[in-house]
PDB file of N, CA and C in Angstrom:
ATOM      1  N   MET A   1       1.218  -1.158   0.118  1.00  0.00           N
ATOM      2  CA  MET A   1       0.043   0.199   0.080  1.00  0.00           C
ATOM      3  C   MET A   1       1.068   1.285  -0.077  1.00  0.00           C
ATOM      4  N   LYS A   2       0.452   2.157  -0.567  1.00  0.00           N
ATOM      5  CA  LYS A   2       1.059   3.501  -0.618  1.00  0.00           C
ATOM      6  C   LYS A   2       0.479   4.688   0.240  1.00  0.00           C
ATOM      7  N   PHE A   3       1.382   5.450   1.249  1.00  0.00           N
ATOM      8  CA  PHE A   3       0.926   6.043   1.964  1.00  0.00           C
ATOM      9  C   PHE A   3       1.512   7.498   1.627  1.00  0.00           C
ATOM     10  N   ALA A   4       0.324   8.436   2.089  1.00  0.00           N
ATOM     11  CA  ALA A   4       0.901  10.062   1.802  1.00  0.00           C
ATOM     12  C   ALA A   4       0.894  10.340   3.598  1.00  0.00           C
ATOM     13  N   ILE A   5       1.654  11.168   4.107  1.00  0.00           N
ATOM     14  CA  ILE A   5       1.694  11.401   5.275  1.00  0.00           C
ATOM     15  C   ILE A   5       1.604  12.857   5.308  1.00  0.00           C
ATOM     16  N   LEU A   6       0.431  13.399   6.278  1.00  0.00           N
ATOM     17  CA  LEU A   6       0.558  15.023   6.723  1.00  0.00           C
ATOM     18  C   LEU A   6       0.623  14.986   8.009  1.00  0.00           C
ATOM     19  N   VAL A   7       1.675  15.941   8.417  1.00  0.00           N
ATOM     20  CA  VAL A   7       2.185  16.164   9.443  1.00  0.00           C
ATOM     21  C   VAL A   7       1.940  17.703   9.873  1.00  0.00           C
ATOM     22  N   ASN A   8       1.087  17.960  11.011  1.00  0.00           N
ATOM     23  CA  ASN A   8       0.485  19.228  11.177  1.00  0.00           C
ATOM     24  C   ASN A   8       0.986  19.830  12.601  1.00  0.00           C
ATOM     25  N   GLU A   9       1.599  19.181  13.244  1.00  0.00           N
ATOM     26  CA  GLU A   9       2.125  19.442  14.710  1.00  0.00           C
ATOM     27  C   GLU A   9       3.631  19.504  14.824  1.00  0.00           C
ATOM     28  N   GLY A  10       4.381  20.468  15.494  1.00  0.00           N
ATOM     29  CA  GLY A  10       5.570  20.330  15.644  1.00  0.00           C
ATOM     30  C   GLY A  10       6.340  19.409  16.680  1.00  0.00           C
ATOM     31  N   PRO A  11       7.412  19.061  16.655  1.00  0.00           N
ATOM     32  CA  PRO A  11       7.934  18.318  17.832  1.00  0.00           C
ATOM     33  C   PRO A  11       8.181  18.728  19.095  1.00  0.00           C
ATOM     34  N   TYR A  12       7.962  17.770  19.962  1.00  0.00           N
ATOM     35  CA  TYR A  12       8.260  18.159  21.580  1.00  0.00           C
ATOM     36  C   TYR A  12       6.979  18.951  21.742  1.00  0.00           C
ATOM     37  N   THR A  13       6.054  19.600  21.196  1.00  0.00           N
ATOM     38  CA  THR A  13       4.836  19.715  21.709  1.00  0.00           C
ATOM     39  C   THR A  13       3.616  19.152  21.623  1.00  0.00           C
ATOM     40  N   HIS A  14       3.540  18.147  20.876  1.00  0.00           N
ATOM     41  CA  HIS A  14       2.624  17.224  20.595  1.00  0.00           C
ATOM     42  C   HIS A  14       2.968  15.723  20.141  1.00  0.00           C
ATOM     43  N   GLN A  15       2.333  14.885  20.199  1.00  0.00           N
ATOM     44  CA  GLN A  15       2.658  13.619  19.925  1.00  0.00           C
ATOM     45  C   GLN A  15       2.456  13.205  18.388  1.00  0.00           C
ATOM     46  N   ALA A  16       2.274  14.109  17.940  1.00  0.00           N
ATOM     47  CA  ALA A  16       1.758  13.877  16.330  1.00  0.00           C
ATOM     48  C   ALA A  16       3.025  13.726  15.711  1.00  0.00           C
ATOM     49  N   ALA A  17       4.204  14.248  15.767  1.00  0.00           N
ATOM     50  CA  ALA A  17       5.393  13.872  15.063  1.00  0.00           C
ATOM     51  C   ALA A  17       5.910  12.810  15.294  1.00  0.00           C
ATOM     52  N   ASP A  18       6.004  12.256  16.524  1.00  0.00           N
ATOM     53  CA  ASP A  18       6.332  11.132  16.866  1.00  0.00           C
ATOM     54  C   ASP A  18       5.307   9.991  16.402  1.00  0.00           C
ATOM     55  N   SER A  19       4.032   9.972  16.464  1.00  0.00           N
ATOM     56  CA  SER A  19       3.431   9.016  16.091  1.00  0.00           C
ATOM     57  C   SER A  19       3.450   9.184  14.480  1.00  0.00           C
ATOM     58  N   ALA A  20       3.746   9.801  13.981  1.00  0.00           N
ATOM     59  CA  ALA A  20       3.756  10.159  12.325  1.00  0.00           C
ATOM     60  C   ALA A  20       5.359   9.238  11.979  1.00  0.00           C
ATOM     61  N   TYR A  21       6.358   9.483  12.691  1.00  0.00           N
ATOM     62  CA  TYR A  21       7.578   8.952  12.220  1.00  0.00           C
ATOM     63  C   TYR A  21       7.588   7.445  12.442  1.00  0.00           C
ATOM     64  N   LEU A  22       7.154   7.156  13.712  1.00  0.00           N
ATOM     65  CA  LEU A  22       6.776   5.389  14.228  1.00  0.00           C
ATOM     66  C   LEU A  22       6.070   4.892  13.090  1.00  0.00           C
ATOM     67  N   PHE A  23       4.724   5.539  12.670  1.00  0.00           N
ATOM     68  CA  PHE A  23       3.846   5.028  11.709  1.00  0.00           C
ATOM     69  C   PHE A  23       4.662   4.593  10.557  1.00  0.00           C
ATOM     70  N   CYS A  24       5.414   5.844  10.027  1.00  0.00           N
ATOM     71  CA  CYS A  24       6.355   5.301   8.890  1.00  0.00           C
ATOM     72  C   CYS A  24       7.204   4.434   8.709  1.00  0.00           C
ATOM     73  N   ARG A  25       7.664   4.380  10.076  1.00  0.00           N
ATOM     74  CA  ARG A  25       8.991   2.924   9.988  1.00  0.00           C
ATOM     75  C   ARG A  25       8.395   1.605   9.992  1.00  0.00           C
ATOM     76  N   ALA A  26       7.145   1.756  10.682  1.00  0.00           N
ATOM     77  CA  ALA A  26       6.392   0.589  10.833  1.00  0.00           C
ATOM     78  C   ALA A  26       5.634   0.048   9.320  1.00  0.00           C
ATOM     79  N   ALA A  27       5.292   1.281   8.729  1.00  0.00           N
ATOM     80  CA  ALA A  27       4.800   0.866   7.521  1.00  0.00           C
ATOM     81  C   ALA A  27       5.997   0.196   6.458  1.00  0.00           C
ATOM     82  N   LEU A  28       7.190   0.900   6.426  1.00  0.00           N
ATOM     83  CA  LEU A  28       8.344   0.687   5.945  1.00  0.00           C
ATOM     84  C   LEU A  28       8.627  -0.689   5.889  1.00  0.00           C
ATOM     85  N   ALA A  29       8.738  -1.014   7.328  1.00  0.00           N
ATOM     86  CA  ALA A  29       8.982  -2.414   7.817  1.00  0.00           C
ATOM     87  C   ALA A  29       8.242  -3.707   7.201  1.00  0.00           C
ATOM     88  N   LYS A  30       6.749  -3.328   7.004  1.00  0.00           N
ATOM     89  CA  LYS A  30       5.839  -4.124   6.507  1.00  0.00           C
ATOM     90  C   LYS A  30       6.013  -4.204   5.115  1.00  0.00           C
ATOM     91  N   GLY A  31       6.679  -3.447   4.153  1.00  0.00           N
ATOM     92  CA  GLY A  31       6.887  -3.236   2.697  1.00  0.00           C
ATOM     93  C   GLY A  31       5.998  -2.522   2.276  1.00  0.00           C
ATOM     94  N   HIS A  32       5.386  -1.569   3.165  1.00  0.00           N
ATOM     95  CA  HIS A  32       4.705  -0.377   2.321  1.00  0.00           C
ATOM     96  C   HIS A  32       5.349   0.708   1.681  1.00  0.00           C
ATOM     97  N   GLU A  33       4.665   1.596   1.168  1.00  0.00           N
ATOM     98  CA  GLU A  33       5.432   2.585   0.332  1.00  0.00           C
ATOM     99  C   GLU A  33       4.908   3.937   1.332  1.00  0.00           C
ATOM    100  N   ILE A  34       5.825   4.920   1.576  1.00  0.00           N
ATOM    101  CA  ILE A  34       5.750   5.994   1.752  1.00  0.00           C
ATOM    102  C   ILE A  34       6.246   7.191   0.598  1.00  0.00           C
ATOM    103  N   VAL A  35       4.799   7.574  -0.156  1.00  0.00           N
ATOM    104  CA  VAL A  35       4.893   8.532  -1.145  1.00  0.00           C
ATOM    105  C   VAL A  35       5.671   9.713  -0.674  1.00  0.00           C
ATOM    106  N   ARG A  36       5.082  10.246   0.190  1.00  0.00           N
ATOM    107  CA  ARG A  36       5.920  11.735   0.914  1.00  0.00           C
ATOM    108  C   ARG A  36       5.303  11.968   2.086  1.00  0.00           C
ATOM    109  N   VAL A  37       5.901  12.505   2.819  1.00  0.00           N
ATOM    110  CA  VAL A  37       5.690  13.106   4.185  1.00  0.00           C
ATOM    111  C   VAL A  37       5.527  14.636   3.862  1.00  0.00           C
ATOM    112  N   PHE A  38       4.559  15.564   4.217  1.00  0.00           N
ATOM    113  CA  PHE A  38       4.051  16.719   4.185  1.00  0.00           C
ATOM    114  C   PHE A  38       4.025  17.202   5.249  1.00  0.00           C
ATOM    115  N   PHE A  39       4.893  18.355   5.534  1.00  0.00           N
ATOM    116  CA  PHE A  39       4.921  18.993   6.895  1.00  0.00           C
ATOM    117  C   PHE A  39       4.112  20.401   6.793  1.00  0.00           C
ATOM    118  N   TYR A  40       3.001  20.437   7.642  1.00  0.00           N
ATOM    119  CA  TYR A  40       2.089  21.799   7.240  1.00  0.00           C
ATOM    120  C   TYR A  40       2.014  22.302   8.389  1.00  0.00           C
ATOM    121  N   HIS A  41       1.303  23.794   8.775  1.00  0.00           N
ATOM    122  CA  HIS A  41       1.093  24.264   9.748  1.00  0.00           C
ATOM    123  C   HIS A  41       2.324  24.330  10.811  1.00  0.00           C
ATOM    124  N   ASP A  42       2.242  24.178  12.143  1.00  0.00           N
ATOM    125  CA  ASP A  42       3.429  24.083  12.821  1.00  0.00           C
ATOM    126  C   ASP A  42       4.219  22.682  12.655  1.00  0.00           C
ATOM    127  N   GLY A  43       3.850  21.925  11.691  1.00  0.00           N
ATOM    128  CA  GLY A  43       4.414  20.404  11.498  1.00  0.00           C
ATOM    129  C   GLY A  43       5.896  20.947  10.718  1.00  0.00           C
ATOM    130  N   VAL A  44       5.930  22.075  10.262  1.00  0.00           N
ATOM    131  CA  VAL A  44       7.094  22.349   9.568  1.00  0.00           C
ATOM    132  C   VAL A  44       8.455  22.592  10.412  1.00  0.00           C
ATOM    133  N   ASN A  45       8.120  22.732  11.856  1.00  0.00           N
ATOM    134  CA  ASN A  45       9.063  22.867  12.809  1.00  0.00           C
ATOM    135  C   ASN A  45      10.102  21.607  12.993  1.00  0.00           C
ATOM    136  N   ASN A  46       9.519  20.358  12.681  1.00  0.00           N
ATOM    137  CA  ASN A  46      10.022  19.214  12.445  1.00  0.00           C
ATOM    138  C   ASN A  46      11.300  19.338  11.608  1.00  0.00           C
ATOM    139  N   ALA A  47      11.130  20.536  10.261  1.00  0.00           N
ATOM    140  CA  ALA A  47      12.500  20.287   9.673  1.00  0.00           C
ATOM    141  C   ALA A  47      13.523  21.364   9.912  1.00  0.00           C
ATOM    142  N   THR A  48      13.618  22.139  11.042  1.00  0.00           N
ATOM    143  CA  THR A  48      14.609  22.681  11.435  1.00  0.00           C
ATOM    144  C   THR A  48      15.751  22.293  11.732  1.00  0.00           C
ATOM    145  N   ARG A  49      16.802  22.932  11.156  1.00  0.00           N
ATOM    146  CA  ARG A  49      18.213  21.886  11.590  1.00  0.00           C
ATOM    147  C   ARG A  49      18.693  22.844  12.916  1.00  0.00           C
ATOM    148  N   LEU A  50      18.038  23.840  13.416  1.00  0.00           N
ATOM    149  CA  LEU A  50      18.362  24.624  14.234  1.00  0.00           C
ATOM    150  C   LEU A  50      17.645  24.109  15.535  1.00  0.00           C
ATOM    151  N   THR A  51      17.165  22.681  15.528  1.00  0.00           N
ATOM    152  CA  THR A  51      16.483  22.163  16.747  1.00  0.00           C
ATOM    153  C   THR A  51      17.701  21.489  17.496  1.00  0.00           C
ATOM    154  N   GLU A  52      17.718  21.923  18.855  1.00  0.00           N
ATOM    155  CA  GLU A  52      18.896  21.072  19.631  1.00  0.00           C
ATOM    156  C   GLU A  52      18.521  20.611  20.976  1.00  0.00           C
ATOM    157  N   PRO A  53      17.601  19.305  21.096  1.00  0.00           N
ATOM    158  CA  PRO A  53      17.036  18.898  22.330  1.00  0.00           C
ATOM    159  C   PRO A  53      18.227  18.460  23.079  1.00  0.00           C
ATOM    160  N   PRO A  54      17.783  18.502  24.500  1.00  0.00           N
ATOM    161  CA  PRO A  54      18.876  17.845  25.489  1.00  0.00           C
ATOM    162  C   PRO A  54      19.253  16.567  25.315  1.00  0.00           C
ATOM    163  N   GLN A  55      20.633  16.265  25.530  1.00  0.00           N
ATOM    164  CA  GLN A  55      21.007  15.122  25.141  1.00  0.00           C
ATOM    165  C   GLN A  55      20.780  13.865  25.491  1.00  0.00           C
ATOM    166  N   ASP A  56      19.448  13.759  26.412  1.00  0.00           N
ATOM    167  CA  ASP A  56      19.144  12.509  27.003  1.00  0.00           C
ATOM    168  C   ASP A  56      17.648  12.449  26.427  1.00  0.00           C
ATOM    169  N   ASP A  57      17.028  13.174  25.125  1.00  0.00           N
ATOM    170  CA  ASP A  57      16.026  13.244  24.566  1.00  0.00           C
ATOM    171  C   ASP A  57      16.280  12.854  23.333  1.00  0.00           C
ATOM    172  N   ARG A  58      15.031  12.376  22.566  1.00  0.00           N
ATOM    173  CA  ARG A  58      15.162  12.066  21.200  1.00  0.00           C
ATOM    174  C   ARG A  58      15.280  13.416  20.183  1.00  0.00           C
ATOM    175  N   HIS A  59      16.145  12.924  19.169  1.00  0.00           N
ATOM    176  CA  HIS A  59      15.993  14.040  18.348  1.00  0.00           C
ATOM    177  C   HIS A  59      15.349  13.633  17.027  1.00  0.00           C
ATOM    178  N   ILE A  60      14.095  14.587  17.261  1.00  0.00           N
ATOM    179  CA  ILE A  60      13.096  14.041  16.294  1.00  0.00           C
ATOM    180  C   ILE A  60      13.342  14.561  14.577  1.00  0.00           C
ATOM    181  N   VAL A  61      14.199  15.777  14.929  1.00  0.00           N
ATOM    182  CA  VAL A  61      14.545  16.198  13.440  1.00  0.00           C
ATOM    183  C   VAL A  61      15.685  15.355  12.677  1.00  0.00           C
ATOM    184  N   ASN A  62      16.462  14.559  13.772  1.00  0.00           N
ATOM    185  CA  ASN A  62      17.673  13.897  13.006  1.00  0.00           C
ATOM    186  C   ASN A  62      16.509  12.552  12.500  1.00  0.00           C
ATOM    187  N   ARG A  63      15.671  11.901  13.512  1.00  0.00           N
ATOM    188  CA  ARG A  63      14.756  10.749  12.888  1.00  0.00           C
ATOM    189  C   ARG A  63      14.503  10.958  11.618  1.00  0.00           C
ATOM    190  N   TRP A  64      13.783  12.089  11.353  1.00  0.00           N
ATOM    191  CA  TRP A  64      13.123  12.220   9.955  1.00  0.00           C
ATOM    192  C   TRP A  64      14.438  12.212   8.834  1.00  0.00           C
ATOM    193  N   SER A  65      15.445  12.953   9.123  1.00  0.00           N
ATOM    194  CA  SER A  65      16.487  12.955   8.126  1.00  0.00           C
ATOM    195  C   SER A  65      17.231  11.704   7.981  1.00  0.00           C
ATOM    196  N   ARG A  66      17.146  10.763   8.925  1.00  0.00           N
ATOM    197  CA  ARG A  66      17.671   9.473   8.952  1.00  0.00           C
ATOM    198  C   ARG A  66      16.646   8.589   8.059  1.00  0.00           C
ATOM    199  N   LEU A  67      15.375   8.764   8.079  1.00  0.00           N
ATOM    200  CA  LEU A  67      14.266   8.148   7.361  1.00  0.00           C
ATOM    201  C   LEU A  67      14.560   8.523   6.137  1.00  0.00           C
ATOM    202  N   ALA A  68      14.760   9.801   5.348  1.00  0.00           N
ATOM    203  CA  ALA A  68      14.971  10.136   4.204  1.00  0.00           C
ATOM    204  C   ALA A  68      15.993   9.541   3.880  1.00  0.00           C
ATOM    205  N   GLU A  69      17.029   9.592   4.494  1.00  0.00           N
ATOM    206  CA  GLU A  69      18.283   8.873   3.629  1.00  0.00           C
ATOM    207  C   GLU A  69      18.359   7.515   3.585  1.00  0.00           C
ATOM    208  N   GLU A  70      17.726   6.992   4.818  1.00  0.00           N
ATOM    209  CA  GLU A  70      17.924   5.113   4.608  1.00  0.00           C
ATOM    210  C   GLU A  70      16.793   4.864   3.524  1.00  0.00           C
ATOM    211  N   HIS A  71      15.746   5.500   3.692  1.00  0.00           N
ATOM    212  CA  HIS A  71      14.469   4.963   2.690  1.00  0.00           C
ATOM    213  C   HIS A  71      14.116   5.945   1.619  1.00  0.00           C
ATOM    214  N   GLY A  72      14.680   6.810   1.524  1.00  0.00           N
ATOM    215  CA  GLY A  72      14.438   7.828   0.064  1.00  0.00           C
ATOM    216  C   GLY A  72      13.259   8.646   0.279  1.00  0.00           C
ATOM    217  N   VAL A  73      12.672   8.470   1.657  1.00  0.00           N
ATOM    218  CA  VAL A  73      11.325   9.300   1.803  1.00  0.00           C
ATOM    219  C   VAL A  73      11.236  10.647   1.385  1.00  0.00           C
ATOM    220  N   ASP A  74      10.379  11.472   0.639  1.00  0.00           N
ATOM    221  CA  ASP A  74      10.241  12.678   0.252  1.00  0.00           C
ATOM    222  C   ASP A  74       9.944  13.318   1.455  1.00  0.00           C
ATOM    223  N   LEU A  75      10.511  14.565   2.251  1.00  0.00           N
ATOM    224  CA  LEU A  75      10.280  15.114   3.174  1.00  0.00           C
ATOM    225  C   LEU A  75       9.865  16.612   2.420  1.00  0.00           C
ATOM    226  N   VAL A  76       8.720  16.961   2.317  1.00  0.00           N
ATOM    227  CA  VAL A  76       8.469  18.273   1.755  1.00  0.00           C
ATOM    228  C   VAL A  76       7.694  19.259   2.901  1.00  0.00           C
ATOM    229  N   VAL A  77       8.434  20.578   2.913  1.00  0.00           N
ATOM    230  CA  VAL A  77       8.099  21.326   3.933  1.00  0.00           C
ATOM    231  C   VAL A  77       7.072  22.534   3.296  1.00  0.00           C
ATOM    232  N   CYS A  78       5.961  22.872   3.802  1.00  0.00           N
ATOM    233  CA  CYS A  78       4.993  23.867   2.804  1.00  0.00           C
ATOM    234  C   CYS A  78       6.038  25.118   2.994  1.00  0.00           C
ATOM    235  N   VAL A  79       5.889  25.554   1.941  1.00  0.00           N
ATOM    236  CA  VAL A  79       6.737  27.021   2.179  1.00  0.00           C
ATOM    237  C   VAL A  79       5.996  28.187   2.713  1.00  0.00           C
ATOM    238  N   ALA A  80       4.665  28.263   2.772  1.00  0.00           N
ATOM    239  CA  ALA A  80       4.236  29.490   3.051  1.00  0.00           C
ATOM    240  C   ALA A  80       4.137  29.323   4.508  1.00  0.00           C
ATOM    241  N   ALA A  81       3.893  28.121   5.294  1.00  0.00           N
ATOM    242  CA  ALA A  81       4.005  27.692   6.675  1.00  0.00           C
ATOM    243  C   ALA A  81       5.117  27.867   7.199  1.00  0.00           C
ATOM    244  N   ALA A  82       6.323  27.530   6.298  1.00  0.00           N
ATOM    245  CA  ALA A  82       7.676  27.687   6.870  1.00  0.00           C
ATOM    246  C   ALA A  82       8.263  29.076   6.896  1.00  0.00           C
ATOM    247  N   LEU A  83       7.938  29.881   5.899  1.00  0.00           N
ATOM    248  CA  LEU A  83       8.078  31.265   6.083  1.00  0.00           C
ATOM    249  C   LEU A  83       7.506  31.759   6.744  1.00  0.00           C
ATOM    250  N   ARG A  84       6.366  31.823   7.422  1.00  0.00           N
ATOM    251  CA  ARG A  84       5.719  32.359   8.548  1.00  0.00           C
ATOM    252  C   ARG A  84       6.117  32.188   9.792  1.00  0.00           C
ATOM    253  N   ARG A  85       6.998  31.033   9.917  1.00  0.00           N
ATOM    254  CA  ARG A  85       7.603  30.514  11.236  1.00  0.00           C
ATOM    255  C   ARG A  85       8.976  30.593  11.259  1.00  0.00           C
ATOM    256  N   GLY A  86       9.400  31.547  10.147  1.00  0.00           N
ATOM    257  CA  GLY A  86      10.973  31.987  10.020  1.00  0.00           C
ATOM    258  C   GLY A  86      11.839  30.872   9.710  1.00  0.00           C
ATOM    259  N   ILE A  87      11.574  29.800   8.702  1.00  0.00           N
ATOM    260  CA  ILE A  87      12.063  28.732   8.447  1.00  0.00           C
ATOM    261  C   ILE A  87      12.405  28.882   6.939  1.00  0.00           C
ATOM    262  N   ARG A  88      13.733  29.000   6.683  1.00  0.00           N
ATOM    263  CA  ARG A  88      13.884  29.091   5.284  1.00  0.00           C
ATOM    264  C   ARG A  88      14.852  28.020   4.831  1.00  0.00           C
ATOM    265  N   GLU A  89      15.264  27.902   3.571  1.00  0.00           N
ATOM    266  CA  GLU A  89      15.928  26.907   2.569  1.00  0.00           C
ATOM    267  C   GLU A  89      17.286  26.340   3.737  1.00  0.00           C
ATOM    268  N   GLU A  90      17.879  27.467   4.104  1.00  0.00           N
ATOM    269  CA  GLU A  90      19.054  27.559   4.520  1.00  0.00           C
ATOM    270  C   GLU A  90      18.980  26.716   5.951  1.00  0.00           C
ATOM    271  N   ASN A  91      17.750  26.922   6.591  1.00  0.00           N
ATOM    272  CA  ASN A  91      17.760  26.486   7.776  1.00  0.00           C
ATOM    273  C   ASN A  91      17.260  24.998   7.839  1.00  0.00           C
ATOM    274  N   LEU A  92      17.073  24.043   6.659  1.00  0.00           N
ATOM    275  CA  LEU A  92      16.270  23.002   6.646  1.00  0.00           C
ATOM    276  C   LEU A  92      17.577  22.024   7.035  1.00  0.00           C
ATOM    277  N   ALA A  93      16.991  20.940   7.786  1.00  0.00           N
ATOM    278  CA  ALA A  93      17.816  19.979   8.143  1.00  0.00           C
ATOM    279  C   ALA A  93      18.264  18.803   6.924  1.00  0.00           C
ATOM    280  N   SER A  94      19.010  18.057   6.923  1.00  0.00           N
ATOM    281  CA  SER A  94      19.283  17.211   5.775  1.00  0.00           C
ATOM    282  C   SER A  94      17.923  16.465   5.345  1.00  0.00           C
ATOM    283  N   GLY A  95      17.845  16.105   4.053  1.00  0.00           N
ATOM    284  CA  GLY A  95      16.497  15.183   3.618  1.00  0.00           C
ATOM    285  C   GLY A  95      15.445  16.091   3.335  1.00  0.00           C
ATOM    286  N   PHE A  96      15.175  17.239   3.900  1.00  0.00           N
ATOM    287  CA  PHE A  96      13.929  18.011   3.822  1.00  0.00           C
ATOM    288  C   PHE A  96      14.304  19.043   2.632  1.00  0.00           C
ATOM    289  N   ARG A  97      13.057  19.334   2.003  1.00  0.00           N
ATOM    290  CA  ARG A  97      12.806  20.241   0.758  1.00  0.00           C
ATOM    291  C   ARG A  97      11.655  21.212   1.093  1.00  0.00           C
ATOM    292  N   ILE A  98      11.635  22.609   0.642  1.00  0.00           N
ATOM    293  CA  ILE A  98      10.508  23.431   0.524  1.00  0.00           C
ATOM    294  C   ILE A  98       9.715  23.217  -0.658  1.00  0.00           C
ATOM    295  N   SER A  99       8.682  23.079  -0.587  1.00  0.00           N
ATOM    296  CA  SER A  99       7.725  23.094  -1.873  1.00  0.00           C
ATOM    297  C   SER A  99       6.250  23.785  -1.339  1.00  0.00           C
ATOM    298  N   GLY A 100       5.307  23.810  -2.260  1.00  0.00           N
ATOM    299  CA  GLY A 100       4.332  24.271  -2.079  1.00  0.00           C
ATOM    300  C   GLY A 100       3.086  23.104  -1.865  1.00  0.00           C
ATOM    301  N   LEU A 101       1.799  23.984  -1.717  1.00  0.00           N
ATOM    302  CA  LEU A 101       0.669  22.618  -1.318  1.00  0.00           C
ATOM    303  C   LEU A 101       0.205  21.505  -2.387  1.00  0.00           C
ATOM    304  N   GLY A 102       0.811  22.092  -3.557  1.00  0.00           N
ATOM    305  CA  GLY A 102       0.545  20.982  -4.710  1.00  0.00           C
ATOM    306  C   GLY A 102       1.227  19.597  -4.538  1.00  0.00           C
ATOM    307  N   GLN A 103       2.359  19.795  -3.621  1.00  0.00           N
ATOM    308  CA  GLN A 103       2.931  18.352  -3.374  1.00  0.00           C
ATOM    309  C   GLN A 103       2.125  17.588  -2.319  1.00  0.00           C
ATOM    310  N   LEU A 104       1.254  18.211  -1.495  1.00  0.00           N
ATOM    311  CA  LEU A 104       0.325  17.551  -0.836  1.00  0.00           C
ATOM    312  C   LEU A 104      -0.481  16.755  -1.653  1.00  0.00           C
ATOM    313  N   ILE A 105      -1.273  17.461  -2.241  1.00  0.00           N
ATOM    314  CA  ILE A 105      -2.164  17.289  -3.234  1.00  0.00           C
ATOM    315  C   ILE A 105      -1.720  15.807  -4.358  1.00  0.00           C
ATOM    316  N   GLU A 106      -0.543  16.273  -4.833  1.00  0.00           N
ATOM    317  CA  GLU A 106       0.044  15.434  -5.884  1.00  0.00           C
ATOM    318  C   GLU A 106      -0.020  13.752  -4.896  1.00  0.00           C
ATOM    319  N   ALA A 107       0.640  14.022  -3.662  1.00  0.00           N
ATOM    320  CA  ALA A 107       0.782  12.686  -2.887  1.00  0.00           C
ATOM    321  C   ALA A 107      -0.101  11.985  -2.394  1.00  0.00           C
ATOM    322  N   GLY A 108      -1.178  12.778  -2.546  1.00  0.00           N
ATOM    323  CA  GLY A 108      -2.781  12.264  -2.301  1.00  0.00           C
ATOM    324  C   GLY A 108      -3.241  11.743  -3.217  1.00  0.00           C
ATOM    325  N   ILE A 109      -2.888  12.060  -4.728  1.00  0.00           N
ATOM    326  CA  ILE A 109      -3.416  11.375  -5.810  1.00  0.00           C
ATOM    327  C   ILE A 109      -2.652  10.083  -6.129  1.00  0.00           C
ATOM    328  N   GLN A 110      -1.166   9.893  -5.603  1.00  0.00           N
ATOM    329  CA  GLN A 110      -0.582   8.684  -5.995  1.00  0.00           C
ATOM    330  C   GLN A 110      -0.690   7.826  -5.030  1.00  0.00           C
ATOM    331  N   ALA A 111      -0.957   8.211  -3.825  1.00  0.00           N
ATOM    332  CA  ALA A 111      -1.043   7.337  -2.597  1.00  0.00           C
ATOM    333  C   ALA A 111      -2.549   6.621  -2.640  1.00  0.00           C
ATOM    334  N   ASP A 112      -2.570   5.414  -1.853  1.00  0.00           N
ATOM    335  CA  ASP A 112      -3.820   4.699  -1.769  1.00  0.00           C
ATOM    336  C   ASP A 112      -4.504   5.361  -0.658  1.00  0.00           C
ATOM    337  N   ARG A 113      -3.668   5.872   0.452  1.00  0.00           N
ATOM    338  CA  ARG A 113      -4.210   6.259   1.461  1.00  0.00           C
ATOM    339  C   ARG A 113      -3.485   7.525   2.087  1.00  0.00           C
ATOM    340  N   THR A 114      -3.970   8.702   2.660  1.00  0.00           N
ATOM    341  CA  THR A 114      -3.409   9.954   3.231  1.00  0.00           C
ATOM    342  C   THR A 114      -3.792   9.934   4.588  1.00  0.00           C
ATOM    343  N   VAL A 115      -2.713   9.925   5.584  1.00  0.00           N
ATOM    344  CA  VAL A 115      -2.946   9.745   6.812  1.00  0.00           C
ATOM    345  C   VAL A 115      -2.494  11.047   7.520  1.00  0.00           C
ATOM    346  N   THR A 116      -3.139  11.362   8.283  1.00  0.00           N
ATOM    347  CA  THR A 116      -3.131  12.837   9.062  1.00  0.00           C
ATOM    348  C   THR A 116      -2.808  12.812  10.573  1.00  0.00           C
ATOM    349  N   PHE A 117      -1.686  13.503  10.783  1.00  0.00           N
ATOM    350  CA  PHE A 117      -1.337  13.575  12.258  1.00  0.00           C
ATOM    351  C   PHE A 117      -1.045  14.895  12.781  1.00  0.00           C
ATOM    352  N   GLY A 118      -1.961  15.291  13.661  1.00  0.00           N
ATOM    353  CA  GLY A 118      -2.290  16.602  14.344  1.00  0.00           C
ATOM    354  C   GLY A 118      -3.369  17.167  13.676  1.00  0.00           C
ATOM    355  N   ASP A 119      -3.828  18.093  14.584  1.00  0.00           N
ATOM    356  CA  ASP A 119      -5.198  18.919  14.058  1.00  0.00           C
ATOM    357  C   ASP A 119      -4.911  19.421  12.495  1.00  0.00           C
TER     358      ASP A 119
END
């Protein structure tokens, strides 16, 4: 099955980012495909390389970057939502790219299911 993933909440403030990441890992482990992960609203904060959690905490941004590197998952950040929050291309962590809402629509068309995490 092909999944498109929409993440609407930022890391460390809501469980949505962790749940989306774990869902992706589990789906890939079962042989499913992740067409794209689209970060929207506060979800764009999952993409900033400026995140520095405490050493004893998980690093959600790095998790997403590794997922993209290991599995070729397309991580797309909404340009409008990112700019509203001060996130620019040069602030993105490895594996993320900025684009428009058309990427979310395209992913929804290509996928069998779109799964949304966060409000």
